[in-house]
PDB file of all heavy atoms in Angstrom:
ATOM      1  N   ILE A   1     101.426  98.379 102.324  1.00  0.00           N
ATOM      2  CA  ILE A   1     102.346  99.116 101.447  1.00  0.00           C
ATOM      3  C   ILE A   1     101.771  99.081 100.039  1.00  0.00           C
ATOM      4  O   ILE A   1     101.442  97.999  99.521  1.00  0.00           O
ATOM      5  CB  ILE A   1     103.765  98.506 101.466  1.00  0.00           C
ATOM      6  CG1 ILE A   1     104.543  98.978 102.688  1.00  0.00           C
ATOM      7  CG2 ILE A   1     104.530  98.894 100.204  1.00  0.00           C
ATOM      8  CD1 ILE A   1     105.970  98.450 102.735  1.00  0.00           C
ATOM      9  N   ALA A   2     101.645 100.247  99.425  1.00  0.00           N
ATOM     10  CA  ALA A   2     101.218 100.362  98.029  1.00  0.00           C
ATOM     11  C   ALA A   2     102.333 101.061  97.273  1.00  0.00           C
ATOM     12  O   ALA A   2     102.715 102.191  97.612  1.00  0.00           O
ATOM     13  CB  ALA A   2      99.915 101.143  97.922  1.00  0.00           C
ATOM     14  N   ALA A   3     102.896 100.393  96.248  1.00  0.00           N
ATOM     15  CA  ALA A   3     104.027 100.926  95.476  1.00  0.00           C
ATOM     16  C   ALA A   3     103.644 100.995  94.009  1.00  0.00           C
ATOM     17  O   ALA A   3     102.905 100.134  93.499  1.00  0.00           O
ATOM     18  CB  ALA A   3     105.269 100.058  95.670  1.00  0.00           C
ATOM     19  N   ASP A   4     104.169 102.004  93.330  1.00  0.00           N
ATOM     20  CA  ASP A   4     103.881 102.201  91.906  1.00  0.00           C
ATOM     21  C   ASP A   4     105.090 102.905  91.285  1.00  0.00           C
ATOM     22  O   ASP A   4     105.703 103.774  91.916  1.00  0.00           O
ATOM     23  CB  ASP A   4     102.628 103.047  91.732  1.00  0.00           C
ATOM     24  CG  ASP A   4     102.169 103.083  90.288  1.00  0.00           C
ATOM     25  OD1 ASP A   4     101.774 102.034  89.772  1.00  0.00           O
ATOM     26  OD2 ASP A   4     102.204 104.171  89.699  1.00  0.00           O
ATOM     27  N   VAL A   5     105.414 102.515  90.035  1.00  0.00           N
ATOM     28  CA  VAL A   5     106.562 103.101  89.353  1.00  0.00           C
ATOM     29  C   VAL A   5     106.193 104.474  88.825  1.00  0.00           C
ATOM     30  O   VAL A   5     105.158 104.645  88.160  1.00  0.00           O
ATOM     31  CB  VAL A   5     107.049 102.192  88.212  1.00  0.00           C
ATOM     32  CG1 VAL A   5     108.217 102.838  87.466  1.00  0.00           C
ATOM     33  CG2 VAL A   5     107.457 100.831  88.768  1.00  0.00           C
ATOM     34  N   ALA A   6     107.023 105.474  89.109  1.00  0.00           N
ATOM     35  CA  ALA A   6     106.789 106.844  88.649  1.00  0.00           C
ATOM     36  C   ALA A   6     107.135 106.955  87.169  1.00  0.00           C
ATOM     37  O   ALA A   6     108.254 106.617  86.754  1.00  0.00           O
ATOM     38  CB  ALA A   6     107.635 107.818  89.463  1.00  0.00           C
ATOM     39  N   GLY A   7     106.194 107.420  86.330  1.00  0.00           N
ATOM     40  CA  GLY A   7     106.428 107.596  84.894  1.00  0.00           C
ATOM     41  C   GLY A   7     106.631 106.302  84.160  1.00  0.00           C
ATOM     42  O   GLY A   7     107.416 106.239  83.196  1.00  0.00           O
ATOM     43  N   TYR A   8     105.929 105.258  84.559  1.00  0.00           N
ATOM     44  CA  TYR A   8     106.133 103.942  83.947  1.00  0.00           C
ATOM     45  C   TYR A   8     105.698 103.931  82.481  1.00  0.00           C
ATOM     46  O   TYR A   8     106.379 103.341  81.627  1.00  0.00           O
ATOM     47  CB  TYR A   8     105.373 102.887  84.748  1.00  0.00           C
ATOM     48  CG  TYR A   8     105.567 101.482  84.245  1.00  0.00           C
ATOM     49  CD1 TYR A   8     106.751 100.781  84.491  1.00  0.00           C
ATOM     50  CD2 TYR A   8     104.556 100.832  83.527  1.00  0.00           C
ATOM     51  CE1 TYR A   8     106.930  99.485  84.032  1.00  0.00           C
ATOM     52  CE2 TYR A   8     104.719  99.535  83.068  1.00  0.00           C
ATOM     53  CZ  TYR A   8     105.900  98.869  83.324  1.00  0.00           C
ATOM     54  OH  TYR A   8     106.076  97.578  82.854  1.00  0.00           O
ATOM     55  N   SER A   9     104.575 104.558  82.159  1.00  0.00           N
ATOM     56  CA  SER A   9     104.114 104.546  80.763  1.00  0.00           C
ATOM     57  C   SER A   9     105.112 105.246  79.848  1.00  0.00           C
ATOM     58  O   SER A   9     105.356 104.800  78.707  1.00  0.00           O
ATOM     59  CB  SER A   9     102.744 105.233  80.679  1.00  0.00           C
ATOM     60  OG  SER A   9     101.791 104.569  81.479  1.00  0.00           O
ATOM     61  N   ARG A  10     105.722 106.336  80.303  1.00  0.00           N
ATOM     62  CA  ARG A  10     106.719 107.045  79.482  1.00  0.00           C
ATOM     63  C   ARG A  10     107.962 106.188  79.274  1.00  0.00           C
ATOM     64  O   ARG A  10     108.502 106.120  78.144  1.00  0.00           O
ATOM     65  CB  ARG A  10     107.094 108.351  80.177  1.00  0.00           C
ATOM     66  CG  ARG A  10     108.176 109.163  79.442  1.00  0.00           C
ATOM     67  CD  ARG A  10     108.554 110.403  80.230  1.00  0.00           C
ATOM     68  NE  ARG A  10     109.053 110.061  81.556  1.00  0.00           N
ATOM     69  CZ  ARG A  10     110.329 109.689  81.802  1.00  0.00           C
ATOM     70  NH1 ARG A  10     111.192 109.565  80.809  1.00  0.00           N
ATOM     71  NH2 ARG A  10     110.704 109.410  83.026  1.00  0.00           N
ATOM     72  N   LEU A  11     108.419 105.478  80.321  1.00  0.00           N
ATOM     73  CA  LEU A  11     109.604 104.619  80.197  1.00  0.00           C
ATOM     74  C   LEU A  11     109.348 103.455  79.235  1.00  0.00           C
ATOM     75  O   LEU A  11     110.216 103.082  78.438  1.00  0.00           O
ATOM     76  CB  LEU A  11     109.998 104.079  81.578  1.00  0.00           C
ATOM     77  CG  LEU A  11     110.465 105.118  82.605  1.00  0.00           C
ATOM     78  CD1 LEU A  11     110.699 104.463  83.953  1.00  0.00           C
ATOM     79  CD2 LEU A  11     111.737 105.815  82.131  1.00  0.00           C
ATOM     80  N   VAL A  12     108.132 102.879  79.296  1.00  0.00           N
ATOM     81  CA  VAL A  12     107.810 101.780  78.392  1.00  0.00           C
ATOM     82  C   VAL A  12     107.736 102.271  76.961  1.00  0.00           C
ATOM     83  O   VAL A  12     108.181 101.584  76.019  1.00  0.00           O
ATOM     84  CB  VAL A  12     106.482 101.123  78.818  1.00  0.00           C
ATOM     85  CG1 VAL A  12     106.009 100.119  77.766  1.00  0.00           C
ATOM     86  CG2 VAL A  12     106.630 100.427  80.161  1.00  0.00           C
ATOM     87  N   GLU A  13     107.209 103.453  76.735  1.00  0.00           N
ATOM     88  CA  GLU A  13     107.109 103.981  75.378  1.00  0.00           C
ATOM     89  C   GLU A  13     108.487 104.271  74.790  1.00  0.00           C
ATOM     90  O   GLU A  13     108.729 104.033  73.584  1.00  0.00           O
ATOM     91  CB  GLU A  13     106.267 105.251  75.402  1.00  0.00           C
ATOM     92  CG  GLU A  13     106.000 105.830  74.019  1.00  0.00           C
ATOM     93  CD  GLU A  13     105.155 107.089  74.082  1.00  0.00           C
ATOM     94  OE1 GLU A  13     104.818 107.532  75.204  1.00  0.00           O
ATOM     95  OE2 GLU A  13     104.809 107.619  73.003  1.00  0.00           O
ATOM     96  N   GLU A  14     109.405 104.735  75.613  1.00  0.00           N
ATOM     97  CA  GLU A  14     110.754 105.042  75.100  1.00  0.00           C
ATOM     98  C   GLU A  14     111.548 103.773  74.818  1.00  0.00           C
ATOM     99  O   GLU A  14     112.239 103.683  73.800  1.00  0.00           O
ATOM    100  CB  GLU A  14     111.496 105.909  76.119  1.00  0.00           C
ATOM    101  CG  GLU A  14     110.907 107.308  76.256  1.00  0.00           C
ATOM    102  CD  GLU A  14     111.627 108.117  77.325  1.00  0.00           C
ATOM    103  OE1 GLU A  14     112.522 107.542  77.993  1.00  0.00           O
ATOM    104  OE2 GLU A  14     111.283 109.301  77.516  1.00  0.00           O
ATOM    105  N   ASN A  15     111.530 102.803  75.747  1.00  0.00           N
ATOM    106  CA  ASN A  15     112.265 101.553  75.544  1.00  0.00           C
ATOM    107  C   ASN A  15     111.541 100.470  76.327  1.00  0.00           C
ATOM    108  O   ASN A  15     111.708 100.329  77.533  1.00  0.00           O
ATOM    109  CB  ASN A  15     113.713 101.676  76.030  1.00  0.00           C
ATOM    110  CG  ASN A  15     114.583 100.530  75.547  1.00  0.00           C
ATOM    111  OD1 ASN A  15     114.101  99.433  75.264  1.00  0.00           O
ATOM    112  ND2 ASN A  15     115.894 100.763  75.459  1.00  0.00           N
ATOM    113  N   GLU A  16     110.718  99.717  75.646  1.00  0.00           N
ATOM    114  CA  GLU A  16     109.843  98.762  76.305  1.00  0.00           C
ATOM    115  C   GLU A  16     110.629  97.617  76.923  1.00  0.00           C
ATOM    116  O   GLU A  16     110.428  97.283  78.096  1.00  0.00           O
ATOM    117  CB  GLU A  16     108.822  98.233  75.293  1.00  0.00           C
ATOM    118  CG  GLU A  16     107.803  97.284  75.920  1.00  0.00           C
ATOM    119  CD  GLU A  16     106.773  96.814  74.902  1.00  0.00           C
ATOM    120  OE1 GLU A  16     106.992  97.029  73.700  1.00  0.00           O
ATOM    121  OE2 GLU A  16     105.765  96.229  75.310  1.00  0.00           O
ATOM    122  N   GLU A  17     111.546  96.973  76.170  1.00  0.00           N
ATOM    123  CA  GLU A  17     112.247  95.796  76.675  1.00  0.00           C
ATOM    124  C   GLU A  17     113.157  96.150  77.834  1.00  0.00           C
ATOM    125  O   GLU A  17     113.210  95.431  78.842  1.00  0.00           O
ATOM    126  CB  GLU A  17     113.055  95.142  75.547  1.00  0.00           C
ATOM    127  CG  GLU A  17     112.180  94.537  74.457  1.00  0.00           C
ATOM    128  CD  GLU A  17     113.011  93.853  73.381  1.00  0.00           C
ATOM    129  OE1 GLU A  17     114.263  93.907  73.505  1.00  0.00           O
ATOM    130  OE2 GLU A  17     112.423  93.285  72.457  1.00  0.00           O
ATOM    131  N   ASP A  18     113.867  97.237  77.736  1.00  0.00           N
ATOM    132  CA  ASP A  18     114.768  97.631  78.816  1.00  0.00           C
ATOM    133  C   ASP A  18     113.977  97.972  80.086  1.00  0.00           C
ATOM    134  O   ASP A  18     114.394  97.618  81.196  1.00  0.00           O
ATOM    135  CB  ASP A  18     115.596  98.836  78.373  1.00  0.00           C
ATOM    136  CG  ASP A  18     116.524  99.312  79.467  1.00  0.00           C
ATOM    137  OD1 ASP A  18     117.473  98.569  79.816  1.00  0.00           O
ATOM    138  OD2 ASP A  18     116.295 100.426  80.006  1.00  0.00           O
ATOM    139  N   THR A  19     112.856  98.632  79.911  1.00  0.00           N
ATOM    140  CA  THR A  19     112.041  98.983  81.079  1.00  0.00           C
ATOM    141  C   THR A  19     111.492  97.737  81.740  1.00  0.00           C
ATOM    142  O   THR A  19     111.508  97.618  82.987  1.00  0.00           O
ATOM    143  CB  THR A  19     110.883  99.904  80.650  1.00  0.00           C
ATOM    144  OG1 THR A  19     111.423 101.086  80.042  1.00  0.00           O
ATOM    145  CG2 THR A  19     110.048 100.303  81.841  1.00  0.00           C
ATOM    146  N   LEU A  20     110.973  96.779  80.987  1.00  0.00           N
ATOM    147  CA  LEU A  20     110.437  95.550  81.561  1.00  0.00           C
ATOM    148  C   LEU A  20     111.527  94.751  82.268  1.00  0.00           C
ATOM    149  O   LEU A  20     111.297  94.175  83.336  1.00  0.00           O
ATOM    150  CB  LEU A  20     109.776  94.707  80.477  1.00  0.00           C
ATOM    151  CG  LEU A  20     108.491  95.275  79.859  1.00  0.00           C
ATOM    152  CD1 LEU A  20     107.984  94.364  78.742  1.00  0.00           C
ATOM    153  CD2 LEU A  20     107.405  95.443  80.919  1.00  0.00           C
ATOM    154  N   ARG A  21     112.750  94.676  81.678  1.00  0.00           N
ATOM    155  CA  ARG A  21     113.850  93.937  82.301  1.00  0.00           C
ATOM    156  C   ARG A  21     114.227  94.549  83.644  1.00  0.00           C
ATOM    157  O   ARG A  21     114.389  93.841  84.636  1.00  0.00           O
ATOM    158  CB  ARG A  21     115.055  93.921  81.351  1.00  0.00           C
ATOM    159  CG  ARG A  21     116.280  93.219  81.908  1.00  0.00           C
ATOM    160  CD  ARG A  21     117.394  93.215  80.862  1.00  0.00           C
ATOM    161  NE  ARG A  21     117.678  94.577  80.415  1.00  0.00           N
ATOM    162  CZ  ARG A  21     118.442  95.436  81.103  1.00  0.00           C
ATOM    163  NH1 ARG A  21     118.948  95.111  82.266  1.00  0.00           N
ATOM    164  NH2 ARG A  21     118.683  96.628  80.593  1.00  0.00           N
ATOM    165  N   ARG A  22     114.346  95.847  83.698  1.00  0.00           N
ATOM    166  CA  ARG A  22     114.727  96.498  84.951  1.00  0.00           C
ATOM    167  C   ARG A  22     113.582  96.441  85.971  1.00  0.00           C
ATOM    168  O   ARG A  22     113.811  96.397  87.177  1.00  0.00           O
ATOM    169  CB  ARG A  22     115.131  97.941  84.683  1.00  0.00           C
ATOM    170  CG  ARG A  22     116.459  98.025  83.929  1.00  0.00           C
ATOM    171  CD  ARG A  22     117.035  99.429  83.888  1.00  0.00           C
ATOM    172  NE  ARG A  22     116.234 100.333  83.072  1.00  0.00           N
ATOM    173  CZ  ARG A  22     115.668 101.453  83.522  1.00  0.00           C
ATOM    174  NH1 ARG A  22     115.813 101.794  84.787  1.00  0.00           N
ATOM    175  NH2 ARG A  22     114.962 102.215  82.722  1.00  0.00           N
ATOM    176  N   PHE A  23     112.302  96.458  85.506  1.00  0.00           N
ATOM    177  CA  PHE A  23     111.173  96.345  86.440  1.00  0.00           C
ATOM    178  C   PHE A  23     111.138  94.962  87.085  1.00  0.00           C
ATOM    179  O   PHE A  23     110.836  94.828  88.281  1.00  0.00           O
ATOM    180  CB  PHE A  23     109.854  96.608  85.702  1.00  0.00           C
ATOM    181  CG  PHE A  23     108.642  96.420  86.565  1.00  0.00           C
ATOM    182  CD1 PHE A  23     108.311  97.342  87.572  1.00  0.00           C
ATOM    183  CD2 PHE A  23     107.826  95.304  86.411  1.00  0.00           C
ATOM    184  CE1 PHE A  23     107.196  97.164  88.371  1.00  0.00           C
ATOM    185  CE2 PHE A  23     106.717  95.130  87.217  1.00  0.00           C
ATOM    186  CZ  PHE A  23     106.399  96.053  88.206  1.00  0.00           C
ATOM    187  N   ILE A  24     111.460  93.902  86.331  1.00  0.00           N
ATOM    188  CA  ILE A  24     111.492  92.551  86.902  1.00  0.00           C
ATOM    189  C   ILE A  24     112.592  92.456  87.958  1.00  0.00           C
ATOM    190  O   ILE A  24     112.397  91.853  89.030  1.00  0.00           O
ATOM    191  CB  ILE A  24     111.704  91.515  85.783  1.00  0.00           C
ATOM    192  CG1 ILE A  24     110.474  91.479  84.873  1.00  0.00           C
ATOM    193  CG2 ILE A  24     111.959  90.126  86.379  1.00  0.00           C
ATOM    194  CD1 ILE A  24     110.639  90.595  83.642  1.00  0.00           C
ATOM    195  N   ALA A  25     113.753  93.081  87.704  1.00  0.00           N
ATOM    196  CA  ALA A  25     114.837  93.053  88.686  1.00  0.00           C
ATOM    197  C   ALA A  25     114.433  93.803  89.952  1.00  0.00           C
ATOM    198  O   ALA A  25     114.701  93.347  91.075  1.00  0.00           O
ATOM    199  CB  ALA A  25     116.097  93.667  88.074  1.00  0.00           C
ATOM    200  N   ALA A  26     113.784  94.935  89.804  1.00  0.00           N
ATOM    201  CA  ALA A  26     113.336  95.693  90.976  1.00  0.00           C
ATOM    202  C   ALA A  26     112.251  94.928  91.726  1.00  0.00           C
ATOM    203  O   ALA A  26     112.182  94.970  92.970  1.00  0.00           O
ATOM    204  CB  ALA A  26     112.817  97.054  90.538  1.00  0.00           C
ATOM    205  N   SER A  27     111.415  94.182  91.020  1.00  0.00           N
ATOM    206  CA  SER A  27     110.363  93.397  91.679  1.00  0.00           C
ATOM    207  C   SER A  27     110.959  92.276  92.516  1.00  0.00           C
ATOM    208  O   SER A  27     110.421  91.951  93.593  1.00  0.00           O
ATOM    209  CB  SER A  27     109.407  92.808  90.629  1.00  0.00           C
ATOM    210  OG  SER A  27     108.767  93.843  89.906  1.00  0.00           O
ATOM    211  N   GLN A  28     112.058  91.665  92.064  1.00  0.00           N
ATOM    212  CA  GLN A  28     112.709  90.619  92.856  1.00  0.00           C
ATOM    213  C   GLN A  28     113.268  91.192  94.156  1.00  0.00           C
ATOM    214  O   GLN A  28     113.147  90.579  95.227  1.00  0.00           O
ATOM    215  CB  GLN A  28     113.829  89.975  92.033  1.00  0.00           C
ATOM    216  CG  GLN A  28     113.364  89.242  90.791  1.00  0.00           C
ATOM    217  CD  GLN A  28     112.450  88.067  91.120  1.00  0.00           C
ATOM    218  OE1 GLN A  28     112.590  87.412  92.154  1.00  0.00           O
ATOM    219  NE2 GLN A  28     111.496  87.804  90.222  1.00  0.00           N
ATOM    220  N   VAL A  29     113.859  92.381  94.075  1.00  0.00           N
ATOM    221  CA  VAL A  29     114.349  93.040  95.284  1.00  0.00           C
ATOM    222  C   VAL A  29     113.171  93.353  96.219  1.00  0.00           C
ATOM    223  O   VAL A  29     113.252  93.168  97.439  1.00  0.00           O
ATOM    224  CB  VAL A  29     115.114  94.327  94.908  1.00  0.00           C
ATOM    225  CG1 VAL A  29     115.499  95.113  96.149  1.00  0.00           C
ATOM    226  CG2 VAL A  29     116.367  93.968  94.116  1.00  0.00           C
ATOM    227  N   PHE A  30     112.086  93.819  95.652  1.00  0.00           N
ATOM    228  CA  PHE A  30     110.889  94.159  96.419  1.00  0.00           C
ATOM    229  C   PHE A  30     110.388  92.920  97.165  1.00  0.00           C
ATOM    230  O   PHE A  30     110.095  92.970  98.379  1.00  0.00           O
ATOM    231  CB  PHE A  30     109.808  94.685  95.464  1.00  0.00           C
ATOM    232  CG  PHE A  30     108.715  95.481  96.129  1.00  0.00           C
ATOM    233  CD1 PHE A  30     108.640  96.855  95.976  1.00  0.00           C
ATOM    234  CD2 PHE A  30     107.758  94.848  96.910  1.00  0.00           C
ATOM    235  CE1 PHE A  30     107.638  97.586  96.566  1.00  0.00           C
ATOM    236  CE2 PHE A  30     106.744  95.572  97.505  1.00  0.00           C
ATOM    237  CZ  PHE A  30     106.680  96.948  97.350  1.00  0.00           C
ATOM    238  N   LYS A  31     110.295  91.794  96.473  1.00  0.00           N
ATOM    239  CA  LYS A  31     109.756  90.574  97.073  1.00  0.00           C
ATOM    240  C   LYS A  31     110.661  90.064  98.189  1.00  0.00           C
ATOM    241  O   LYS A  31     110.173  89.625  99.248  1.00  0.00           O
ATOM    242  CB  LYS A  31     109.595  89.518  95.979  1.00  0.00           C
ATOM    243  CG  LYS A  31     108.978  88.224  96.476  1.00  0.00           C
ATOM    244  CD  LYS A  31     108.802  87.240  95.311  1.00  0.00           C
ATOM    245  CE  LYS A  31     108.181  85.947  95.809  1.00  0.00           C
ATOM    246  NZ  LYS A  31     107.999  84.965  94.678  1.00  0.00           N
ATOM    247  N   ALA A  32     111.963  90.118  97.996  1.00  0.00           N
ATOM    248  CA  ALA A  32     112.896  89.616  99.016  1.00  0.00           C
ATOM    249  C   ALA A  32     112.823  90.449 100.291  1.00  0.00           C
ATOM    250  O   ALA A  32     112.808  89.905 101.404  1.00  0.00           O
ATOM    251  CB  ALA A  32     114.319  89.616  98.450  1.00  0.00           C
ATOM    252  N   LEU A  33     112.761  91.771 100.161  1.00  0.00           N
ATOM    253  CA  LEU A  33     112.697  92.616 101.351  1.00  0.00           C
ATOM    254  C   LEU A  33     111.376  92.472 102.091  1.00  0.00           C
ATOM    255  O   LEU A  33     111.321  92.566 103.317  1.00  0.00           O
ATOM    256  CB  LEU A  33     112.928  94.072 100.948  1.00  0.00           C
ATOM    257  CG  LEU A  33     114.369  94.418 100.544  1.00  0.00           C
ATOM    258  CD1 LEU A  33     114.459  95.846 100.041  1.00  0.00           C
ATOM    259  CD2 LEU A  33     115.314  94.219 101.717  1.00  0.00           C
ATOM    260  N   VAL A  34     110.300  92.250 101.362  1.00  0.00           N
ATOM    261  CA  VAL A  34     109.013  92.033 102.023  1.00  0.00           C
ATOM    262  C   VAL A  34     109.061  90.775 102.882  1.00  0.00           C
ATOM    263  O   VAL A  34     108.561  90.752 104.025  1.00  0.00           O
ATOM    264  CB  VAL A  34     107.887  91.943 100.974  1.00  0.00           C
ATOM    265  CG1 VAL A  34     106.598  91.427 101.596  1.00  0.00           C
ATOM    266  CG2 VAL A  34     107.638  93.297 100.348  1.00  0.00           C
ATOM    267  N   GLN A  35     109.659  89.703 102.376  1.00  0.00           N
ATOM    268  CA  GLN A  35     109.763  88.477 103.157  1.00  0.00           C
ATOM    269  C   GLN A  35     110.672  88.659 104.367  1.00  0.00           C
ATOM    270  O   GLN A  35     110.421  88.078 105.431  1.00  0.00           O
ATOM    271  CB  GLN A  35     110.280  87.347 102.270  1.00  0.00           C
ATOM    272  CG  GLN A  35     109.294  86.914 101.199  1.00  0.00           C
ATOM    273  CD  GLN A  35     109.837  85.819 100.303  1.00  0.00           C
ATOM    274  OE1 GLN A  35     111.030  85.435 100.436  1.00  0.00           O
ATOM    275  NE2 GLN A  35     109.014  85.307  99.409  1.00  0.00           N
ATOM    276  N   ASP A  36     111.760  89.456 104.220  1.00  0.00           N
ATOM    277  CA  ASP A  36     112.664  89.689 105.342  1.00  0.00           C
ATOM    278  C   ASP A  36     111.991  90.438 106.494  1.00  0.00           C
ATOM    279  O   ASP A  36     112.410  90.290 107.645  1.00  0.00           O
ATOM    280  CB  ASP A  36     113.894  90.467 104.872  1.00  0.00           C
ATOM    281  CG  ASP A  36     114.759  89.654 103.928  1.00  0.00           C
ATOM    282  OD1 ASP A  36     114.583  88.410 103.903  1.00  0.00           O
ATOM    283  OD2 ASP A  36     115.565  90.248 103.200  1.00  0.00           O
TER     284      ASP A  36
END
């Protein structure tokens, strides 16, 4: 599985902290489902 965020550079440029916070939350969901 290869995953990548669509338009990540644009989201970081508009609001860097909010984008990073939501990306970390999505990564935790990603990791849990992979283990399941």
